[in-house]
């Protein structure tokens, strides 16, 4: 399988499939720090998705979401 790097694009949150959300461990302190950073600087690092059957499966960025 080959990966194709693309430029970040803005997508509707409803287009994301959160298939792996159940595997995440909640870390409230880190979430608070990330929230403060996004409020101050905006989202610096985009989330990572893969296309599958017409949807985008979220791989990395559950906390940023």
PDB file of N, CA and C in Angstrom:
ATOM      1  N   UNK A   1       0.834  -1.171   0.000  1.00  0.00           N
ATOM      2  CA  UNK A   1       0.000   0.000   0.000  1.00  0.00           C
ATOM      3  C   UNK A   1       0.877   1.233   0.000  1.00  0.00           C
ATOM      4  N   UNK A   2       0.570   2.164  -0.878  1.00  0.00           N
ATOM      5  CA  UNK A   2       1.325   3.400  -0.946  1.00  0.00           C
ATOM      6  C   UNK A   2       0.533   4.525  -0.309  1.00  0.00           C
ATOM      7  N   UNK A   3       1.226   5.382   0.420  1.00  0.00           N
ATOM      8  CA  UNK A   3       0.595   6.544   1.018  1.00  0.00           C
ATOM      9  C   UNK A   3       0.825   7.741   0.122  1.00  0.00           C
ATOM     10  N   UNK A   4      -0.177   8.544  -0.025  1.00  0.00           N
ATOM     11  CA  UNK A   4      -0.075   9.734  -0.849  1.00  0.00           C
ATOM     12  C   UNK A   4      -0.222  10.945   0.058  1.00  0.00           C
ATOM     13  N   UNK A   5       0.838  11.726   0.181  1.00  0.00           N
ATOM     14  CA  UNK A   5       0.783  12.932   1.006  1.00  0.00           C
ATOM     15  C   UNK A   5       0.047  14.016   0.225  1.00  0.00           C
ATOM     16  N   UNK A   6      -0.825  14.710   0.887  1.00  0.00           N
ATOM     17  CA  UNK A   6      -1.560  15.802   0.261  1.00  0.00           C
ATOM     18  C   UNK A   6      -1.518  17.018   1.156  1.00  0.00           C
ATOM     19  N   UNK A   7      -1.893  18.128   0.608  1.00  0.00           N
ATOM     20  CA  UNK A   7      -1.996  19.340   1.403  1.00  0.00           C
ATOM     21  C   UNK A   7      -3.211  19.231   2.310  1.00  0.00           C
ATOM     22  N   UNK A   8      -3.125  19.831   3.479  1.00  0.00           N
ATOM     23  CA  UNK A   8      -4.288  19.800   4.380  1.00  0.00           C
ATOM     24  C   UNK A   8      -5.508  20.449   3.721  1.00  0.00           C
ATOM     25  N   UNK A   9      -6.670  19.866   3.977  1.00  0.00           N
ATOM     26  CA  UNK A   9      -7.930  20.425   3.493  1.00  0.00           C
ATOM     27  C   UNK A   9      -8.901  20.491   4.655  1.00  0.00           C
ATOM     28  N   UNK A  10      -9.834  21.411   4.572  1.00  0.00           N
ATOM     29  CA  UNK A  10     -10.850  21.543   5.603  1.00  0.00           C
ATOM     30  C   UNK A  10     -12.029  20.649   5.232  1.00  0.00           C
ATOM     31  N   UNK A  11     -12.486  19.845   6.182  1.00  0.00           N
ATOM     32  CA  UNK A  11     -13.621  18.954   5.942  1.00  0.00           C
ATOM     33  C   UNK A  11     -14.656  19.144   7.046  1.00  0.00           C
ATOM     34  N   UNK A  12     -15.870  18.800   6.745  1.00  0.00           N
ATOM     35  CA  UNK A  12     -16.948  18.848   7.719  1.00  0.00           C
ATOM     36  C   UNK A  12     -16.728  17.745   8.753  1.00  0.00           C
ATOM     37  N   UNK A  13     -16.920  18.056  10.018  1.00  0.00           N
ATOM     38  CA  UNK A  13     -16.702  17.059  11.069  1.00  0.00           C
ATOM     39  C   UNK A  13     -17.597  15.838  10.901  1.00  0.00           C
ATOM     40  N   UNK A  14     -18.758  16.023  10.291  1.00  0.00           N
ATOM     41  CA  UNK A  14     -19.658  14.907  10.057  1.00  0.00           C
ATOM     42  C   UNK A  14     -19.121  13.916   9.042  1.00  0.00           C
ATOM     43  N   UNK A  15     -18.095  14.318   8.287  1.00  0.00           N
ATOM     44  CA  UNK A  15     -17.501  13.434   7.288  1.00  0.00           C
ATOM     45  C   UNK A  15     -16.490  12.474   7.905  1.00  0.00           C
ATOM     46  N   UNK A  16     -16.167  12.677   9.178  1.00  0.00           N
ATOM     47  CA  UNK A  16     -15.160  11.836   9.823  1.00  0.00           C
ATOM     48  C   UNK A  16     -15.797  10.646  10.524  1.00  0.00           C
ATOM     49  N   UNK A  17     -15.225   9.492  10.306  1.00  0.00           N
ATOM     50  CA  UNK A  17     -15.650   8.293  11.024  1.00  0.00           C
ATOM     51  C   UNK A  17     -14.702   8.110  12.202  1.00  0.00           C
ATOM     52  N   UNK A  18     -15.244   8.092  13.400  1.00  0.00           N
ATOM     53  CA  UNK A  18     -14.445   8.017  14.624  1.00  0.00           C
ATOM     54  C   UNK A  18     -14.321   6.568  15.094  1.00  0.00           C
ATOM     55  N   UNK A  19     -13.889   5.718  14.208  1.00  0.00           N
ATOM     56  CA  UNK A  19     -13.832   4.283  14.446  1.00  0.00           C
ATOM     57  C   UNK A  19     -12.970   3.896  15.648  1.00  0.00           C
ATOM     58  N   UNK A  20     -11.910   4.636  15.908  1.00  0.00           N
ATOM     59  CA  UNK A  20     -10.964   4.249  16.954  1.00  0.00           C
ATOM     60  C   UNK A  20     -11.073   5.103  18.216  1.00  0.00           C
ATOM     61  N   UNK A  21     -12.159   5.830  18.377  1.00  0.00           N
ATOM     62  CA  UNK A  21     -12.338   6.686  19.552  1.00  0.00           C
ATOM     63  C   UNK A  21     -12.290   5.869  20.850  1.00  0.00           C
ATOM     64  N   UNK A  22     -12.776   4.645  20.815  1.00  0.00           N
ATOM     65  CA  UNK A  22     -12.814   3.815  22.022  1.00  0.00           C
ATOM     66  C   UNK A  22     -11.427   3.397  22.503  1.00  0.00           C
ATOM     67  N   UNK A  23     -10.406   3.572  21.692  1.00  0.00           N
ATOM     68  CA  UNK A  23      -9.054   3.160  22.079  1.00  0.00           C
ATOM     69  C   UNK A  23      -8.283   4.276  22.782  1.00  0.00           C
ATOM     70  N   UNK A  24      -8.846   5.456  22.852  1.00  0.00           N
ATOM     71  CA  UNK A  24      -8.146   6.606  23.433  1.00  0.00           C
ATOM     72  C   UNK A  24      -8.284   6.623  24.951  1.00  0.00           C
ATOM     73  N   UNK A  25      -7.215   7.059  25.617  1.00  0.00           N
ATOM     74  CA  UNK A  25      -7.202   7.193  27.063  1.00  0.00           C
ATOM     75  C   UNK A  25      -7.360   8.675  27.388  1.00  0.00           C
ATOM     76  N   UNK A  26      -8.327   8.997  28.233  1.00  0.00           N
ATOM     77  CA  UNK A  26      -8.574  10.392  28.597  1.00  0.00           C
ATOM     78  C   UNK A  26      -7.474  10.886  29.529  1.00  0.00           C
ATOM     79  N   UNK A  27      -6.916  12.047  29.186  1.00  0.00           N
ATOM     80  CA  UNK A  27      -5.899  12.701  30.008  1.00  0.00           C
ATOM     81  C   UNK A  27      -6.308  14.160  30.131  1.00  0.00           C
ATOM     82  N   UNK A  28      -7.163  14.464  31.117  1.00  0.00           N
ATOM     83  CA  UNK A  28      -7.735  15.807  31.231  1.00  0.00           C
ATOM     84  C   UNK A  28      -6.712  16.941  31.254  1.00  0.00           C
ATOM     85  N   UNK A  29      -5.616  16.761  31.950  1.00  0.00           N
ATOM     86  CA  UNK A  29      -4.606  17.833  32.024  1.00  0.00           C
ATOM     87  C   UNK A  29      -4.020  18.130  30.645  1.00  0.00           C
ATOM     88  N   UNK A  30      -3.683  17.082  29.901  1.00  0.00           N
ATOM     89  CA  UNK A  30      -3.141  17.287  28.555  1.00  0.00           C
ATOM     90  C   UNK A  30      -4.193  17.887  27.625  1.00  0.00           C
ATOM     91  N   UNK A  31      -5.436  17.469  27.799  1.00  0.00           N
ATOM     92  CA  UNK A  31      -6.524  18.038  26.996  1.00  0.00           C
ATOM     93  C   UNK A  31      -6.667  19.521  27.285  1.00  0.00           C
ATOM     94  N   UNK A  32      -6.583  19.918  28.554  1.00  0.00           N
ATOM     95  CA  UNK A  32      -6.658  21.331  28.915  1.00  0.00           C
ATOM     96  C   UNK A  32      -5.514  22.128  28.300  1.00  0.00           C
ATOM     97  N   UNK A  33      -4.318  21.547  28.312  1.00  0.00           N
ATOM     98  CA  UNK A  33      -3.153  22.231  27.728  1.00  0.00           C
ATOM     99  C   UNK A  33      -3.327  22.391  26.220  1.00  0.00           C
ATOM    100  N   UNK A  34      -3.821  21.351  25.562  1.00  0.00           N
ATOM    101  CA  UNK A  34      -4.039  21.417  24.122  1.00  0.00           C
ATOM    102  C   UNK A  34      -5.122  22.437  23.786  1.00  0.00           C
ATOM    103  N   UNK A  35      -6.181  22.459  24.581  1.00  0.00           N
ATOM    104  CA  UNK A  35      -7.260  23.418  24.368  1.00  0.00           C
ATOM    105  C   UNK A  35      -6.736  24.846  24.463  1.00  0.00           C
ATOM    106  N   UNK A  36      -5.922  25.123  25.470  1.00  0.00           N
ATOM    107  CA  UNK A  36      -5.350  26.458  25.636  1.00  0.00           C
ATOM    108  C   UNK A  36      -4.460  26.820  24.453  1.00  0.00           C
ATOM    109  N   UNK A  37      -3.685  25.865  23.972  1.00  0.00           N
ATOM    110  CA  UNK A  37      -2.806  26.111  22.828  1.00  0.00           C
ATOM    111  C   UNK A  37      -3.614  26.415  21.566  1.00  0.00           C
ATOM    112  N   UNK A  38      -4.660  25.642  21.320  1.00  0.00           N
ATOM    113  CA  UNK A  38      -5.483  25.869  20.124  1.00  0.00           C
ATOM    114  C   UNK A  38      -6.189  27.212  20.220  1.00  0.00           C
ATOM    115  N   UNK A  39      -6.666  27.570  21.412  1.00  0.00           N
ATOM    116  CA  UNK A  39      -7.300  28.880  21.581  1.00  0.00           C
ATOM    117  C   UNK A  39      -6.322  30.011  21.298  1.00  0.00           C
ATOM    118  N   UNK A  40      -5.081  29.827  21.689  1.00  0.00           N
ATOM    119  CA  UNK A  40      -4.081  30.889  21.524  1.00  0.00           C
ATOM    120  C   UNK A  40      -3.496  30.942  20.115  1.00  0.00           C
ATOM    121  N   UNK A  41      -3.137  29.783  19.551  1.00  0.00           N
ATOM    122  CA  UNK A  41      -2.408  29.738  18.287  1.00  0.00           C
ATOM    123  C   UNK A  41      -3.205  29.164  17.108  1.00  0.00           C
ATOM    124  N   UNK A  42      -4.348  28.574  17.394  1.00  0.00           N
ATOM    125  CA  UNK A  42      -5.074  27.846  16.351  1.00  0.00           C
ATOM    126  C   UNK A  42      -4.543  26.427  16.279  1.00  0.00           C
ATOM    127  N   UNK A  43      -5.141  25.645  15.430  1.00  0.00           N
ATOM    128  CA  UNK A  43      -4.688  24.253  15.299  1.00  0.00           C
ATOM    129  C   UNK A  43      -3.467  24.231  14.405  1.00  0.00           C
ATOM    130  N   UNK A  44      -2.328  23.898  14.961  1.00  0.00           N
ATOM    131  CA  UNK A  44      -1.055  23.926  14.247  1.00  0.00           C
ATOM    132  C   UNK A  44      -0.858  22.660  13.425  1.00  0.00           C
ATOM    133  N   UNK A  45      -1.197  21.534  14.018  1.00  0.00           N
ATOM    134  CA  UNK A  45      -1.016  20.241  13.355  1.00  0.00           C
ATOM    135  C   UNK A  45      -2.371  19.691  12.957  1.00  0.00           C
ATOM    136  N   UNK A  46      -2.561  19.381  11.676  1.00  0.00           N
ATOM    137  CA  UNK A  46      -3.859  18.844  11.254  1.00  0.00           C
ATOM    138  C   UNK A  46      -4.060  17.419  11.762  1.00  0.00           C
ATOM    139  N   UNK A  47      -5.312  17.007  11.798  1.00  0.00           N
ATOM    140  CA  UNK A  47      -5.602  15.613  12.127  1.00  0.00           C
ATOM    141  C   UNK A  47      -5.234  14.759  10.925  1.00  0.00           C
ATOM    142  N   UNK A  48      -5.093  13.454  11.140  1.00  0.00           N
ATOM    143  CA  UNK A  48      -4.707  12.540  10.062  1.00  0.00           C
ATOM    144  C   UNK A  48      -5.853  11.571   9.812  1.00  0.00           C
ATOM    145  N   UNK A  49      -6.249  11.465   8.562  1.00  0.00           N
ATOM    146  CA  UNK A  49      -7.328  10.555   8.175  1.00  0.00           C
ATOM    147  C   UNK A  49      -6.891   9.680   7.015  1.00  0.00           C
ATOM    148  N   UNK A  50      -7.644   8.598   6.822  1.00  0.00           N
ATOM    149  CA  UNK A  50      -7.478   7.787   5.615  1.00  0.00           C
ATOM    150  C   UNK A  50      -8.853   7.639   4.974  1.00  0.00           C
ATOM    151  N   UNK A  51      -8.906   7.677   3.649  1.00  0.00           N
ATOM    152  CA  UNK A  51     -10.193   7.486   2.984  1.00  0.00           C
ATOM    153  C   UNK A  51     -10.559   6.006   2.946  1.00  0.00           C
ATOM    154  N   UNK A  52     -11.839   5.731   3.211  1.00  0.00           N
ATOM    155  CA  UNK A  52     -12.319   4.359   3.121  1.00  0.00           C
ATOM    156  C   UNK A  52     -13.810   4.374   2.800  1.00  0.00           C
ATOM    157  N   UNK A  53     -14.167   3.802   1.685  1.00  0.00           N
ATOM    158  CA  UNK A  53     -15.567   3.663   1.274  1.00  0.00           C
ATOM    159  C   UNK A  53     -16.333   4.985   1.318  1.00  0.00           C
ATOM    160  N   UNK A  54     -15.719   6.024   0.776  1.00  0.00           N
ATOM    161  CA  UNK A  54     -16.391   7.313   0.685  1.00  0.00           C
ATOM    162  C   UNK A  54     -16.409   8.125   1.966  1.00  0.00           C
ATOM    163  N   UNK A  55     -15.742   7.644   3.009  1.00  0.00           N
ATOM    164  CA  UNK A  55     -15.669   8.382   4.283  1.00  0.00           C
ATOM    165  C   UNK A  55     -14.206   8.580   4.647  1.00  0.00           C
ATOM    166  N   UNK A  56     -13.968   9.452   5.600  1.00  0.00           N
ATOM    167  CA  UNK A  56     -12.622   9.666   6.110  1.00  0.00           C
ATOM    168  C   UNK A  56     -12.548   9.083   7.520  1.00  0.00           C
ATOM    169  N   UNK A  57     -11.671   8.112   7.711  1.00  0.00           N
ATOM    170  CA  UNK A  57     -11.499   7.480   9.022  1.00  0.00           C
ATOM    171  C   UNK A  57     -10.418   8.254   9.765  1.00  0.00           C
ATOM    172  N   UNK A  58     -10.768   8.787  10.926  1.00  0.00           N
ATOM    173  CA  UNK A  58      -9.818   9.548  11.725  1.00  0.00           C
ATOM    174  C   UNK A  58      -8.824   8.586  12.364  1.00  0.00           C
ATOM    175  N   UNK A  59      -7.549   8.821  12.112  1.00  0.00           N
ATOM    176  CA  UNK A  59      -6.483   7.978  12.657  1.00  0.00           C
ATOM    177  C   UNK A  59      -5.811   8.698  13.816  1.00  0.00           C
ATOM    178  N   UNK A  60      -5.406   9.946  13.604  1.00  0.00           N
ATOM    179  CA  UNK A  60      -4.711  10.705  14.631  1.00  0.00           C
ATOM    180  C   UNK A  60      -5.360  12.077  14.763  1.00  0.00           C
ATOM    181  N   UNK A  61      -5.625  12.489  15.994  1.00  0.00           N
ATOM    182  CA  UNK A  61      -6.183  13.813  16.226  1.00  0.00           C
ATOM    183  C   UNK A  61      -7.487  13.799  16.995  1.00  0.00           C
ATOM    184  N   UNK A  62      -7.760  12.719  17.696  1.00  0.00           N
ATOM    185  CA  UNK A  62      -9.004  12.627  18.441  1.00  0.00           C
ATOM    186  C   UNK A  62      -9.132  13.726  19.495  1.00  0.00           C
ATOM    187  N   UNK A  63      -8.058  14.049  20.172  1.00  0.00           N
ATOM    188  CA  UNK A  63      -8.112  15.095  21.196  1.00  0.00           C
ATOM    189  C   UNK A  63      -8.296  16.452  20.526  1.00  0.00           C
ATOM    190  N   UNK A  64      -7.615  16.697  19.418  1.00  0.00           N
ATOM    191  CA  UNK A  64      -7.762  17.972  18.700  1.00  0.00           C
ATOM    192  C   UNK A  64      -9.186  18.125  18.169  1.00  0.00           C
ATOM    193  N   UNK A  65      -9.796  17.037  17.813  1.00  0.00           N
ATOM    194  CA  UNK A  65     -11.183  17.086  17.320  1.00  0.00           C
ATOM    195  C   UNK A  65     -12.096  17.537  18.418  1.00  0.00           C
TER     196      UNK A  65
END
